[in-house]
Amino acid sequence: MICGTKVSWRGTENIPRGSCIVACKHQSAWETFALYAVLEDPIYILKRELMWIPLFGWYTWKAGLIPIDRSAGMAALARMTARAQKALNGPYPRQLVIFPEGTRRAPGAAPSYKPGIVHLYARSRLACVPATLNSGLFWPRRSLRRLPGTIVMEFLNPIAPGLDKDAFFTALQDAIERASARLIHESGVRHQGSRDQGSSIRD
């Protein structure tokens, strides 16, 4: 209310009942908590360092979120997948939320998708819901500014389980990036993505 930020949810009917993977574009801190508003019982995959933050880190442990040590390579993927499968195969259905680029990217920045999402998709044998947004236009990363406008979160058509890894990767990236570009264009807000690409955190 103070900043004049509004939220519009689109495509919530595309979220399957039961367990699934939600692969979400990551532009700001907003989506790290906002998805709780529409998902029944989400469990996030997040970088391990976030669990060291006082209060916030304690909450992530209590909520059962899944840390990943990005310096550990394939061993980290194996541990992450094992924990994800345990959560998804529990007595209650959960939605596994992963940011496939691994870190926040400025609106319009060139995509930088990591292999973790492909690994999870292949092992879980669950549908994957691509999700895109324009939050970075109004909640810029690495900034305390909060700008007036409407944050749009859109859930796209689910990708059915069973695709070849390369086919899945291409379908996921194309779906998210095309929709992301559309949302940025719809907003009419100028962005700094093309000039900000070089400053993105390496994973």
N, C-alpha and C. Protein backbone atom coordinates (compact mmCIF):
# COMPACT_ATOMS: atom_id res chain seq x y z
N MET A 1 0.82 -1.20 0.00
CA MET A 1 0.00 0.00 0.00
C MET A 1 0.86 1.26 0.00
N ILE A 2 1.93 1.23 0.74
CA ILE A 2 2.81 2.39 0.82
C ILE A 2 3.49 2.66 -0.52
N CYS A 3 3.92 1.61 -1.19
CA CYS A 3 4.69 1.77 -2.43
C CYS A 3 3.82 1.80 -3.68
N GLY A 4 2.54 1.53 -3.55
CA GLY A 4 1.67 1.51 -4.72
C GLY A 4 1.84 0.28 -5.59
N THR A 5 2.21 -0.84 -4.96
CA THR A 5 2.41 -2.08 -5.71
C THR A 5 1.14 -2.91 -5.71
N LYS A 6 0.72 -3.33 -6.88
CA LYS A 6 -0.42 -4.23 -7.02
C LYS A 6 0.07 -5.55 -7.58
N VAL A 7 -0.75 -6.60 -7.46
CA VAL A 7 -0.36 -7.93 -7.94
C VAL A 7 -1.48 -8.50 -8.78
N SER A 8 -1.12 -9.10 -9.91
CA SER A 8 -2.08 -9.78 -10.77
C SER A 8 -1.59 -11.21 -10.99
N TRP A 9 -2.46 -12.18 -10.67
CA TRP A 9 -2.13 -13.59 -10.86
C TRP A 9 -2.82 -14.09 -12.13
N ARG A 10 -2.08 -14.77 -12.98
CA ARG A 10 -2.64 -15.32 -14.21
C ARG A 10 -2.31 -16.81 -14.29
N GLY A 11 -3.22 -17.56 -14.88
CA GLY A 11 -2.95 -18.96 -15.19
C GLY A 11 -2.91 -19.88 -13.99
N THR A 12 -3.52 -19.48 -12.87
CA THR A 12 -3.49 -20.37 -11.71
C THR A 12 -4.19 -21.69 -11.98
N GLU A 13 -5.08 -21.70 -12.98
CA GLU A 13 -5.76 -22.95 -13.35
C GLU A 13 -4.79 -23.96 -13.97
N ASN A 14 -3.59 -23.51 -14.33
CA ASN A 14 -2.59 -24.41 -14.91
C ASN A 14 -1.79 -25.17 -13.86
N ILE A 15 -2.00 -24.86 -12.59
CA ILE A 15 -1.29 -25.56 -11.52
C ILE A 15 -2.01 -26.89 -11.26
N PRO A 16 -1.36 -28.02 -11.48
CA PRO A 16 -2.04 -29.31 -11.28
C PRO A 16 -2.38 -29.54 -9.81
N ARG A 17 -3.38 -30.35 -9.58
CA ARG A 17 -3.65 -30.80 -8.23
C ARG A 17 -2.61 -31.85 -7.85
N GLY A 18 -2.17 -31.82 -6.63
CA GLY A 18 -1.15 -32.76 -6.21
C GLY A 18 0.24 -32.20 -6.41
N SER A 19 1.22 -33.07 -6.32
CA SER A 19 2.62 -32.65 -6.41
C SER A 19 3.00 -32.29 -7.84
N CYS A 20 3.87 -31.28 -7.95
CA CYS A 20 4.40 -30.87 -9.25
C CYS A 20 5.65 -30.04 -9.01
N ILE A 21 6.34 -29.72 -10.08
CA ILE A 21 7.47 -28.81 -10.03
C ILE A 21 7.02 -27.47 -10.61
N VAL A 22 7.35 -26.38 -9.93
CA VAL A 22 7.10 -25.04 -10.45
C VAL A 22 8.46 -24.41 -10.73
N ALA A 23 8.76 -24.19 -12.01
CA ALA A 23 10.02 -23.59 -12.42
C ALA A 23 9.77 -22.12 -12.70
N CYS A 24 10.24 -21.27 -11.82
CA CYS A 24 9.84 -19.86 -11.83
C CYS A 24 10.99 -18.93 -12.21
N LYS A 25 10.70 -17.97 -13.05
CA LYS A 25 11.63 -16.89 -13.34
C LYS A 25 11.95 -16.17 -12.04
N HIS A 26 13.18 -15.70 -11.90
CA HIS A 26 13.61 -15.08 -10.64
C HIS A 26 14.22 -13.71 -10.93
N GLN A 27 13.49 -12.65 -10.55
CA GLN A 27 13.96 -11.29 -10.80
C GLN A 27 14.12 -10.47 -9.52
N SER A 28 13.44 -10.88 -8.44
CA SER A 28 13.47 -10.06 -7.22
C SER A 28 13.22 -10.92 -6.00
N ALA A 29 13.22 -10.27 -4.84
CA ALA A 29 12.92 -10.98 -3.60
C ALA A 29 11.43 -11.29 -3.48
N TRP A 30 10.61 -10.61 -4.26
CA TRP A 30 9.15 -10.75 -4.13
C TRP A 30 8.69 -12.20 -4.27
N GLU A 31 9.17 -12.88 -5.31
CA GLU A 31 8.68 -14.23 -5.58
C GLU A 31 9.19 -15.27 -4.58
N THR A 32 10.15 -14.89 -3.73
CA THR A 32 10.63 -15.85 -2.74
C THR A 32 9.60 -16.09 -1.64
N PHE A 33 8.61 -15.21 -1.52
CA PHE A 33 7.55 -15.44 -0.54
C PHE A 33 6.15 -15.37 -1.14
N ALA A 34 5.99 -14.70 -2.28
CA ALA A 34 4.65 -14.46 -2.81
C ALA A 34 3.94 -15.73 -3.26
N LEU A 35 4.69 -16.74 -3.68
CA LEU A 35 4.06 -17.96 -4.18
C LEU A 35 3.27 -18.69 -3.10
N TYR A 36 3.55 -18.39 -1.84
CA TYR A 36 2.77 -18.99 -0.77
C TYR A 36 1.30 -18.59 -0.86
N ALA A 37 1.01 -17.50 -1.56
CA ALA A 37 -0.36 -17.02 -1.66
C ALA A 37 -1.23 -17.91 -2.56
N VAL A 38 -0.62 -18.64 -3.49
CA VAL A 38 -1.41 -19.41 -4.45
C VAL A 38 -1.09 -20.90 -4.47
N LEU A 39 0.03 -21.31 -3.91
CA LEU A 39 0.39 -22.73 -3.88
C LEU A 39 -0.01 -23.31 -2.53
N GLU A 40 -0.48 -24.55 -2.55
CA GLU A 40 -1.02 -25.16 -1.34
C GLU A 40 0.04 -25.38 -0.27
N ASP A 41 1.16 -25.96 -0.64
CA ASP A 41 2.19 -26.29 0.34
C ASP A 41 3.55 -26.33 -0.36
N PRO A 42 4.05 -25.16 -0.79
CA PRO A 42 5.28 -25.15 -1.58
C PRO A 42 6.52 -25.43 -0.74
N ILE A 43 7.50 -26.04 -1.38
CA ILE A 43 8.81 -26.21 -0.77
C ILE A 43 9.84 -25.68 -1.77
N TYR A 44 10.63 -24.73 -1.33
CA TYR A 44 11.59 -24.07 -2.21
C TYR A 44 12.94 -24.76 -2.18
N ILE A 45 13.62 -24.70 -3.31
CA ILE A 45 15.05 -25.02 -3.35
C ILE A 45 15.79 -23.68 -3.34
N LEU A 46 16.75 -23.54 -2.44
CA LEU A 46 17.45 -22.26 -2.31
C LEU A 46 18.92 -22.50 -2.01
N LYS A 47 19.73 -21.48 -2.29
CA LYS A 47 21.16 -21.64 -2.05
C LYS A 47 21.42 -21.74 -0.55
N ARG A 48 22.37 -22.56 -0.19
CA ARG A 48 22.64 -22.89 1.21
C ARG A 48 22.94 -21.66 2.05
N GLU A 49 23.60 -20.67 1.45
CA GLU A 49 24.02 -19.50 2.21
C GLU A 49 22.84 -18.74 2.83
N LEU A 50 21.67 -18.83 2.20
CA LEU A 50 20.50 -18.12 2.73
C LEU A 50 20.06 -18.67 4.07
N MET A 51 20.41 -19.93 4.34
CA MET A 51 20.03 -20.53 5.61
C MET A 51 20.89 -20.06 6.77
N TRP A 52 21.91 -19.29 6.47
CA TRP A 52 22.76 -18.76 7.53
C TRP A 52 22.29 -17.39 8.01
N ILE A 53 21.27 -16.82 7.38
CA ILE A 53 20.77 -15.51 7.76
C ILE A 53 19.94 -15.63 9.04
N PRO A 54 20.23 -14.85 10.06
CA PRO A 54 19.44 -14.92 11.29
C PRO A 54 17.95 -14.71 11.02
N LEU A 55 17.12 -15.40 11.75
CA LEU A 55 15.66 -15.38 11.66
C LEU A 55 15.18 -15.98 10.35
N PHE A 56 15.54 -15.38 9.23
CA PHE A 56 15.10 -15.93 7.94
C PHE A 56 15.62 -17.34 7.75
N GLY A 57 16.90 -17.55 8.04
CA GLY A 57 17.49 -18.87 7.89
C GLY A 57 16.86 -19.89 8.81
N TRP A 58 16.52 -19.46 10.02
CA TRP A 58 15.89 -20.38 10.96
C TRP A 58 14.52 -20.80 10.43
N TYR A 59 13.82 -19.85 9.83
CA TYR A 59 12.51 -20.19 9.26
C TYR A 59 12.65 -21.22 8.14
N THR A 60 13.66 -21.04 7.27
CA THR A 60 13.81 -21.97 6.14
C THR A 60 14.07 -23.39 6.62
N TRP A 61 14.84 -23.54 7.69
CA TRP A 61 15.07 -24.87 8.25
C TRP A 61 13.77 -25.45 8.80
N LYS A 62 13.03 -24.63 9.54
CA LYS A 62 11.79 -25.10 10.15
C LYS A 62 10.76 -25.49 9.09
N ALA A 63 10.72 -24.77 7.97
CA ALA A 63 9.76 -25.02 6.90
C ALA A 63 10.18 -26.19 6.01
N GLY A 64 11.37 -26.72 6.23
CA GLY A 64 11.82 -27.87 5.46
C GLY A 64 12.28 -27.54 4.06
N LEU A 65 12.70 -26.28 3.82
CA LEU A 65 13.18 -25.91 2.49
C LEU A 65 14.50 -26.63 2.20
N ILE A 66 14.82 -26.75 0.93
CA ILE A 66 15.93 -27.60 0.50
C ILE A 66 17.13 -26.76 0.09
N PRO A 67 18.23 -26.83 0.86
CA PRO A 67 19.42 -26.05 0.49
C PRO A 67 20.24 -26.78 -0.57
N ILE A 68 20.95 -26.00 -1.37
CA ILE A 68 21.89 -26.58 -2.32
C ILE A 68 23.22 -25.85 -2.23
N ASP A 69 24.28 -26.62 -2.13
CA ASP A 69 25.64 -26.09 -2.11
C ASP A 69 26.12 -26.01 -3.55
N ARG A 70 26.10 -24.81 -4.11
CA ARG A 70 26.37 -24.66 -5.55
C ARG A 70 27.83 -24.92 -5.91
N SER A 71 28.69 -25.06 -4.90
CA SER A 71 30.10 -25.35 -5.18
C SER A 71 30.38 -26.85 -5.24
N ALA A 72 29.38 -27.68 -4.94
CA ALA A 72 29.61 -29.13 -4.80
C ALA A 72 29.30 -29.92 -6.07
N GLY A 73 28.88 -29.26 -7.14
CA GLY A 73 28.69 -29.92 -8.43
C GLY A 73 27.63 -31.01 -8.40
N MET A 74 27.93 -32.15 -9.02
CA MET A 74 26.96 -33.23 -9.16
C MET A 74 26.56 -33.82 -7.82
N ALA A 75 27.45 -33.80 -6.85
CA ALA A 75 27.10 -34.31 -5.53
C ALA A 75 25.97 -33.48 -4.92
N ALA A 76 26.00 -32.17 -5.15
CA ALA A 76 24.93 -31.30 -4.64
C ALA A 76 23.62 -31.62 -5.33
N LEU A 77 23.66 -31.88 -6.64
CA LEU A 77 22.44 -32.24 -7.37
C LEU A 77 21.84 -33.54 -6.83
N ALA A 78 22.69 -34.49 -6.54
CA ALA A 78 22.20 -35.78 -6.02
C ALA A 78 21.53 -35.60 -4.67
N ARG A 79 22.15 -34.82 -3.78
CA ARG A 79 21.56 -34.59 -2.45
C ARG A 79 20.26 -33.81 -2.57
N MET A 80 20.26 -32.79 -3.43
CA MET A 80 19.06 -31.99 -3.63
C MET A 80 17.91 -32.84 -4.15
N THR A 81 18.19 -33.70 -5.11
CA THR A 81 17.15 -34.54 -5.70
C THR A 81 16.60 -35.53 -4.69
N ALA A 82 17.47 -36.11 -3.88
CA ALA A 82 17.04 -37.07 -2.87
C ALA A 82 16.09 -36.41 -1.86
N ARG A 83 16.43 -35.21 -1.42
CA ARG A 83 15.58 -34.50 -0.47
C ARG A 83 14.26 -34.08 -1.12
N ALA A 84 14.34 -33.67 -2.38
CA ALA A 84 13.12 -33.26 -3.09
C ALA A 84 12.16 -34.45 -3.25
N GLN A 85 12.69 -35.61 -3.63
CA GLN A 85 11.85 -36.78 -3.81
C GLN A 85 11.21 -37.21 -2.50
N LYS A 86 11.94 -37.09 -1.41
CA LYS A 86 11.39 -37.43 -0.10
C LYS A 86 10.22 -36.51 0.24
N ALA A 87 10.37 -35.22 -0.03
CA ALA A 87 9.30 -34.26 0.26
C ALA A 87 8.10 -34.48 -0.64
N LEU A 88 8.34 -34.74 -1.92
CA LEU A 88 7.24 -34.90 -2.88
C LEU A 88 6.50 -36.21 -2.70
N ASN A 89 7.17 -37.22 -2.15
CA ASN A 89 6.54 -38.52 -1.96
C ASN A 89 5.98 -38.72 -0.56
N GLY A 90 5.88 -37.62 0.19
CA GLY A 90 5.36 -37.70 1.54
C GLY A 90 3.85 -37.91 1.55
N PRO A 91 3.25 -37.90 2.74
CA PRO A 91 1.81 -38.18 2.86
C PRO A 91 0.93 -37.08 2.28
N TYR A 92 1.49 -35.87 2.14
CA TYR A 92 0.72 -34.75 1.61
C TYR A 92 1.38 -34.21 0.35
N PRO A 93 0.59 -33.88 -0.67
CA PRO A 93 1.18 -33.35 -1.91
C PRO A 93 1.79 -31.96 -1.70
N ARG A 94 2.95 -31.75 -2.28
CA ARG A 94 3.62 -30.44 -2.18
C ARG A 94 4.06 -30.00 -3.57
N GLN A 95 4.27 -28.72 -3.71
CA GLN A 95 4.77 -28.18 -4.97
C GLN A 95 6.24 -27.76 -4.75
N LEU A 96 7.10 -28.27 -5.59
CA LEU A 96 8.52 -27.98 -5.48
C LEU A 96 8.85 -26.76 -6.33
N VAL A 97 9.28 -25.69 -5.71
CA VAL A 97 9.58 -24.44 -6.41
C VAL A 97 11.08 -24.33 -6.62
N ILE A 98 11.48 -24.14 -7.86
CA ILE A 98 12.89 -23.97 -8.18
C ILE A 98 13.04 -22.79 -9.14
N PHE A 99 14.08 -22.01 -8.93
CA PHE A 99 14.42 -20.93 -9.85
C PHE A 99 15.50 -21.47 -10.79
N PRO A 100 15.14 -21.82 -12.02
CA PRO A 100 16.06 -22.57 -12.87
C PRO A 100 17.33 -21.84 -13.28
N GLU A 101 17.36 -20.50 -13.10
CA GLU A 101 18.60 -19.78 -13.38
C GLU A 101 19.48 -19.65 -12.14
N GLY A 102 18.96 -20.07 -11.00
CA GLY A 102 19.78 -20.17 -9.80
C GLY A 102 19.96 -18.88 -9.03
N THR A 103 19.67 -17.74 -9.62
CA THR A 103 19.84 -16.46 -8.96
C THR A 103 18.96 -15.44 -9.64
N ARG A 104 18.83 -14.28 -9.02
CA ARG A 104 18.02 -13.23 -9.62
C ARG A 104 18.69 -12.69 -10.88
N ARG A 105 17.88 -12.48 -11.90
CA ARG A 105 18.35 -11.93 -13.16
C ARG A 105 17.53 -10.68 -13.46
N ALA A 106 18.18 -9.66 -13.98
CA ALA A 106 17.48 -8.42 -14.31
C ALA A 106 16.47 -8.67 -15.43
N PRO A 107 15.36 -7.93 -15.44
CA PRO A 107 14.40 -8.07 -16.55
C PRO A 107 15.08 -7.85 -17.90
N GLY A 108 14.87 -8.77 -18.82
CA GLY A 108 15.46 -8.65 -20.14
C GLY A 108 16.86 -9.19 -20.28
N ALA A 109 17.48 -9.64 -19.18
CA ALA A 109 18.83 -10.21 -19.27
C ALA A 109 18.80 -11.53 -20.03
N ALA A 110 19.90 -11.85 -20.69
CA ALA A 110 19.99 -13.11 -21.42
C ALA A 110 19.80 -14.28 -20.46
N PRO A 111 19.06 -15.32 -20.86
CA PRO A 111 18.80 -16.45 -19.96
C PRO A 111 20.08 -17.21 -19.61
N SER A 112 20.09 -17.78 -18.41
CA SER A 112 21.24 -18.55 -17.94
C SER A 112 20.74 -19.71 -17.09
N TYR A 113 20.08 -20.66 -17.75
CA TYR A 113 19.45 -21.78 -17.05
C TYR A 113 20.50 -22.83 -16.65
N LYS A 114 20.32 -23.40 -15.47
CA LYS A 114 21.25 -24.37 -14.91
C LYS A 114 20.70 -25.79 -15.07
N PRO A 115 21.56 -26.81 -14.96
CA PRO A 115 21.10 -28.19 -15.18
C PRO A 115 20.25 -28.77 -14.08
N GLY A 116 20.16 -28.11 -12.92
CA GLY A 116 19.42 -28.67 -11.80
C GLY A 116 17.96 -28.96 -12.12
N ILE A 117 17.31 -28.08 -12.87
CA ILE A 117 15.90 -28.27 -13.19
C ILE A 117 15.70 -29.50 -14.06
N VAL A 118 16.61 -29.74 -14.99
CA VAL A 118 16.51 -30.92 -15.85
C VAL A 118 16.67 -32.19 -15.03
N HIS A 119 17.61 -32.16 -14.11
CA HIS A 119 17.87 -33.31 -13.25
C HIS A 119 16.62 -33.63 -12.41
N LEU A 120 16.01 -32.60 -11.84
CA LEU A 120 14.82 -32.81 -11.02
C LEU A 120 13.64 -33.33 -11.84
N TYR A 121 13.45 -32.75 -13.01
CA TYR A 121 12.35 -33.17 -13.87
C TYR A 121 12.48 -34.64 -14.25
N ALA A 122 13.69 -35.05 -14.64
CA ALA A 122 13.90 -36.43 -15.08
C ALA A 122 13.70 -37.42 -13.93
N ARG A 123 14.16 -37.06 -12.74
CA ARG A 123 14.10 -38.00 -11.62
C ARG A 123 12.72 -38.03 -10.95
N SER A 124 12.04 -36.89 -10.92
CA SER A 124 10.77 -36.83 -10.20
C SER A 124 9.62 -37.46 -10.97
N ARG A 125 9.70 -37.40 -12.31
CA ARG A 125 8.63 -37.89 -13.18
C ARG A 125 7.31 -37.18 -12.89
N LEU A 126 7.42 -35.88 -12.63
CA LEU A 126 6.25 -35.04 -12.37
C LEU A 126 6.12 -33.99 -13.46
N ALA A 127 4.91 -33.44 -13.59
CA ALA A 127 4.71 -32.31 -14.50
C ALA A 127 5.46 -31.10 -13.97
N CYS A 128 5.92 -30.28 -14.90
CA CYS A 128 6.64 -29.06 -14.55
C CYS A 128 5.85 -27.87 -15.07
N VAL A 129 5.52 -26.93 -14.17
CA VAL A 129 4.77 -25.74 -14.55
C VAL A 129 5.74 -24.58 -14.71
N PRO A 130 5.95 -24.08 -15.93
CA PRO A 130 6.77 -22.88 -16.09
C PRO A 130 6.03 -21.67 -15.53
N ALA A 131 6.73 -20.79 -14.86
CA ALA A 131 6.10 -19.60 -14.30
C ALA A 131 6.99 -18.39 -14.60
N THR A 132 6.36 -17.31 -15.00
CA THR A 132 7.12 -16.12 -15.33
C THR A 132 6.50 -14.91 -14.68
N LEU A 133 7.21 -13.78 -14.68
CA LEU A 133 6.78 -12.60 -13.95
C LEU A 133 7.52 -11.37 -14.44
N ASN A 134 7.14 -10.23 -13.89
CA ASN A 134 7.83 -8.97 -14.22
C ASN A 134 8.24 -8.24 -12.95
N SER A 135 8.42 -8.96 -11.84
CA SER A 135 8.64 -8.34 -10.54
C SER A 135 9.88 -7.45 -10.50
N GLY A 136 10.89 -7.78 -11.31
CA GLY A 136 12.12 -7.00 -11.29
C GLY A 136 11.94 -5.56 -11.75
N LEU A 137 10.84 -5.28 -12.44
CA LEU A 137 10.58 -3.90 -12.88
C LEU A 137 10.16 -3.01 -11.72
N PHE A 138 9.61 -3.62 -10.66
CA PHE A 138 9.04 -2.84 -9.57
C PHE A 138 9.73 -3.10 -8.23
N TRP A 139 10.39 -4.25 -8.11
CA TRP A 139 11.21 -4.56 -6.94
C TRP A 139 12.62 -4.86 -7.45
N PRO A 140 13.38 -3.84 -7.85
CA PRO A 140 14.70 -4.11 -8.45
C PRO A 140 15.61 -4.88 -7.51
N ARG A 141 16.38 -5.80 -8.06
CA ARG A 141 17.33 -6.57 -7.25
C ARG A 141 18.45 -5.65 -6.79
N ARG A 142 19.05 -5.98 -5.67
CA ARG A 142 20.16 -5.23 -5.10
C ARG A 142 19.79 -3.76 -4.87
N SER A 143 18.56 -3.52 -4.51
CA SER A 143 18.10 -2.15 -4.28
C SER A 143 16.96 -2.18 -3.26
N LEU A 144 16.85 -1.12 -2.46
CA LEU A 144 15.75 -0.99 -1.52
C LEU A 144 14.56 -0.26 -2.13
N ARG A 145 14.68 0.16 -3.39
CA ARG A 145 13.58 0.87 -4.03
C ARG A 145 12.41 -0.08 -4.30
N ARG A 146 11.20 0.43 -4.09
CA ARG A 146 9.98 -0.29 -4.42
C ARG A 146 9.12 0.67 -5.23
N LEU A 147 8.87 0.34 -6.48
CA LEU A 147 8.24 1.26 -7.41
C LEU A 147 6.77 0.93 -7.60
N PRO A 148 5.94 1.94 -7.83
CA PRO A 148 4.51 1.68 -8.06
C PRO A 148 4.28 0.97 -9.39
N GLY A 149 3.29 0.12 -9.42
CA GLY A 149 2.97 -0.62 -10.64
C GLY A 149 2.36 -1.96 -10.29
N THR A 150 2.09 -2.77 -11.30
CA THR A 150 1.45 -4.07 -11.10
C THR A 150 2.42 -5.20 -11.41
N ILE A 151 2.75 -5.98 -10.39
CA ILE A 151 3.56 -7.18 -10.59
C ILE A 151 2.63 -8.27 -11.13
N VAL A 152 3.00 -8.84 -12.26
CA VAL A 152 2.22 -9.92 -12.86
C VAL A 152 2.99 -11.23 -12.71
N MET A 153 2.32 -12.23 -12.14
CA MET A 153 2.86 -13.59 -12.09
C MET A 153 1.96 -14.47 -12.94
N GLU A 154 2.56 -15.18 -13.89
CA GLU A 154 1.77 -16.00 -14.81
C GLU A 154 2.28 -17.44 -14.82
N PHE A 155 1.37 -18.38 -14.57
CA PHE A 155 1.68 -19.80 -14.66
C PHE A 155 1.29 -20.28 -16.05
N LEU A 156 2.22 -20.91 -16.74
CA LEU A 156 2.01 -21.34 -18.12
C LEU A 156 1.54 -22.79 -18.16
N ASN A 157 1.27 -23.28 -19.35
CA ASN A 157 0.80 -24.66 -19.50
C ASN A 157 1.85 -25.64 -18.97
N PRO A 158 1.44 -26.62 -18.19
CA PRO A 158 2.39 -27.58 -17.64
C PRO A 158 3.09 -28.38 -18.75
N ILE A 159 4.33 -28.74 -18.49
CA ILE A 159 5.08 -29.64 -19.37
C ILE A 159 4.93 -31.04 -18.78
N ALA A 160 4.35 -31.93 -19.54
CA ALA A 160 4.08 -33.27 -19.04
C ALA A 160 5.38 -34.01 -18.75
N PRO A 161 5.35 -34.96 -17.81
CA PRO A 161 6.56 -35.75 -17.52
C PRO A 161 6.89 -36.67 -18.69
N GLY A 162 8.16 -37.08 -18.74
CA GLY A 162 8.56 -38.08 -19.72
C GLY A 162 9.27 -37.57 -20.94
N LEU A 163 9.45 -36.25 -21.08
CA LEU A 163 10.16 -35.73 -22.25
C LEU A 163 11.65 -36.06 -22.15
N ASP A 164 12.28 -36.15 -23.30
CA ASP A 164 13.73 -36.22 -23.36
C ASP A 164 14.32 -34.98 -22.68
N LYS A 165 15.48 -35.12 -22.05
CA LYS A 165 16.07 -34.01 -21.30
C LYS A 165 16.28 -32.77 -22.16
N ASP A 166 16.82 -32.95 -23.35
CA ASP A 166 17.07 -31.80 -24.21
C ASP A 166 15.77 -31.15 -24.65
N ALA A 167 14.77 -31.97 -24.97
CA ALA A 167 13.48 -31.43 -25.39
C ALA A 167 12.82 -30.67 -24.24
N PHE A 168 12.92 -31.20 -23.03
CA PHE A 168 12.36 -30.50 -21.87
C PHE A 168 13.06 -29.17 -21.65
N PHE A 169 14.38 -29.17 -21.67
CA PHE A 169 15.13 -27.95 -21.42
C PHE A 169 14.74 -26.86 -22.42
N THR A 170 14.66 -27.23 -23.69
CA THR A 170 14.29 -26.26 -24.73
C THR A 170 12.87 -25.76 -24.54
N ALA A 171 11.94 -26.67 -24.25
CA ALA A 171 10.55 -26.27 -24.07
C ALA A 171 10.39 -25.35 -22.87
N LEU A 172 11.08 -25.65 -21.79
CA LEU A 172 10.98 -24.83 -20.58
C LEU A 172 11.53 -23.43 -20.81
N GLN A 173 12.73 -23.36 -21.33
CA GLN A 173 13.36 -22.05 -21.53
C GLN A 173 12.57 -21.21 -22.53
N ASP A 174 12.14 -21.81 -23.62
CA ASP A 174 11.37 -21.05 -24.62
C ASP A 174 10.07 -20.51 -24.02
N ALA A 175 9.37 -21.35 -23.26
CA ALA A 175 8.10 -20.93 -22.68
C ALA A 175 8.29 -19.77 -21.72
N ILE A 176 9.25 -19.89 -20.82
CA ILE A 176 9.46 -18.84 -19.82
C ILE A 176 9.96 -17.55 -20.45
N GLU A 177 10.93 -17.67 -21.35
CA GLU A 177 11.53 -16.46 -21.90
C GLU A 177 10.56 -15.70 -22.82
N ARG A 178 9.77 -16.42 -23.61
CA ARG A 178 8.80 -15.74 -24.47
C ARG A 178 7.75 -15.01 -23.62
N ALA A 179 7.25 -15.68 -22.60
CA ALA A 179 6.24 -15.06 -21.76
C ALA A 179 6.82 -13.90 -20.94
N SER A 180 8.07 -14.05 -20.50
CA SER A 180 8.72 -12.98 -19.75
C SER A 180 8.86 -11.73 -20.60
N ALA A 181 9.29 -11.91 -21.85
CA ALA A 181 9.43 -10.76 -22.75
C ALA A 181 8.08 -10.09 -22.99
N ARG A 182 7.03 -10.90 -23.10
CA ARG A 182 5.69 -10.35 -23.30
C ARG A 182 5.24 -9.51 -22.11
N LEU A 183 5.48 -10.01 -20.89
CA LEU A 183 5.07 -9.28 -19.70
C LEU A 183 5.83 -7.95 -19.57
N ILE A 184 7.11 -7.97 -19.90
CA ILE A 184 7.89 -6.73 -19.86
C ILE A 184 7.34 -5.72 -20.87
N HIS A 185 7.03 -6.21 -22.06
CA HIS A 185 6.48 -5.34 -23.10
C HIS A 185 5.12 -4.78 -22.68
N GLU A 186 4.28 -5.62 -22.09
CA GLU A 186 2.96 -5.18 -21.65
C GLU A 186 3.04 -4.08 -20.60
N SER A 187 4.05 -4.14 -19.74
CA SER A 187 4.15 -3.19 -18.63
C SER A 187 4.43 -1.77 -19.11
N GLY A 188 5.11 -1.66 -20.25
CA GLY A 188 5.48 -0.35 -20.76
C GLY A 188 6.59 0.32 -19.98
N VAL A 189 7.25 -0.44 -19.08
CA VAL A 189 8.31 0.11 -18.25
C VAL A 189 9.66 -0.17 -18.90
N ARG A 190 10.50 0.84 -18.96
CA ARG A 190 11.86 0.63 -19.48
C ARG A 190 12.67 -0.14 -18.44
N HIS A 191 13.56 -1.01 -18.92
CA HIS A 191 14.35 -1.81 -18.00
C HIS A 191 15.80 -1.76 -18.40
N GLN A 192 16.67 -2.24 -17.49
CA GLN A 192 18.12 -2.16 -17.68
C GLN A 192 18.74 -3.51 -17.97
N GLY A 193 17.94 -4.49 -18.39
CA GLY A 193 18.44 -5.85 -18.54
C GLY A 193 19.65 -5.99 -19.43
N SER A 194 19.65 -5.33 -20.60
CA SER A 194 20.75 -5.50 -21.53
C SER A 194 22.05 -4.94 -21.00
N ARG A 195 21.98 -3.89 -20.13
CA ARG A 195 23.19 -3.31 -19.58
C ARG A 195 23.60 -3.93 -18.27
N ASP A 196 22.72 -4.78 -17.73
CA ASP A 196 22.96 -5.35 -16.41
C ASP A 196 23.44 -6.78 -16.46
N GLN A 197 23.53 -7.37 -17.65
CA GLN A 197 23.84 -8.79 -17.75
C GLN A 197 25.19 -9.12 -17.16
N GLY A 198 26.17 -8.27 -17.34
CA GLY A 198 27.51 -8.59 -16.89
C GLY A 198 27.66 -8.61 -15.40
N SER A 199 26.69 -8.02 -14.66
CA SER A 199 26.82 -7.95 -13.22
C SER A 199 26.11 -9.10 -12.52
N SER A 200 25.52 -10.05 -13.26
CA SER A 200 24.79 -11.15 -12.64
C SER A 200 25.75 -12.05 -11.87
N ILE A 201 25.26 -12.58 -10.75
CA ILE A 201 26.06 -13.48 -9.93
C ILE A 201 26.28 -14.79 -10.67
N ARG A 202 27.48 -15.25 -10.71
CA ARG A 202 27.75 -16.53 -11.34
C ARG A 202 27.37 -17.64 -10.39
N ASP A 203 26.83 -18.75 -10.96
CA ASP A 203 26.44 -19.90 -10.14
C ASP A 203 27.44 -21.02 -10.32
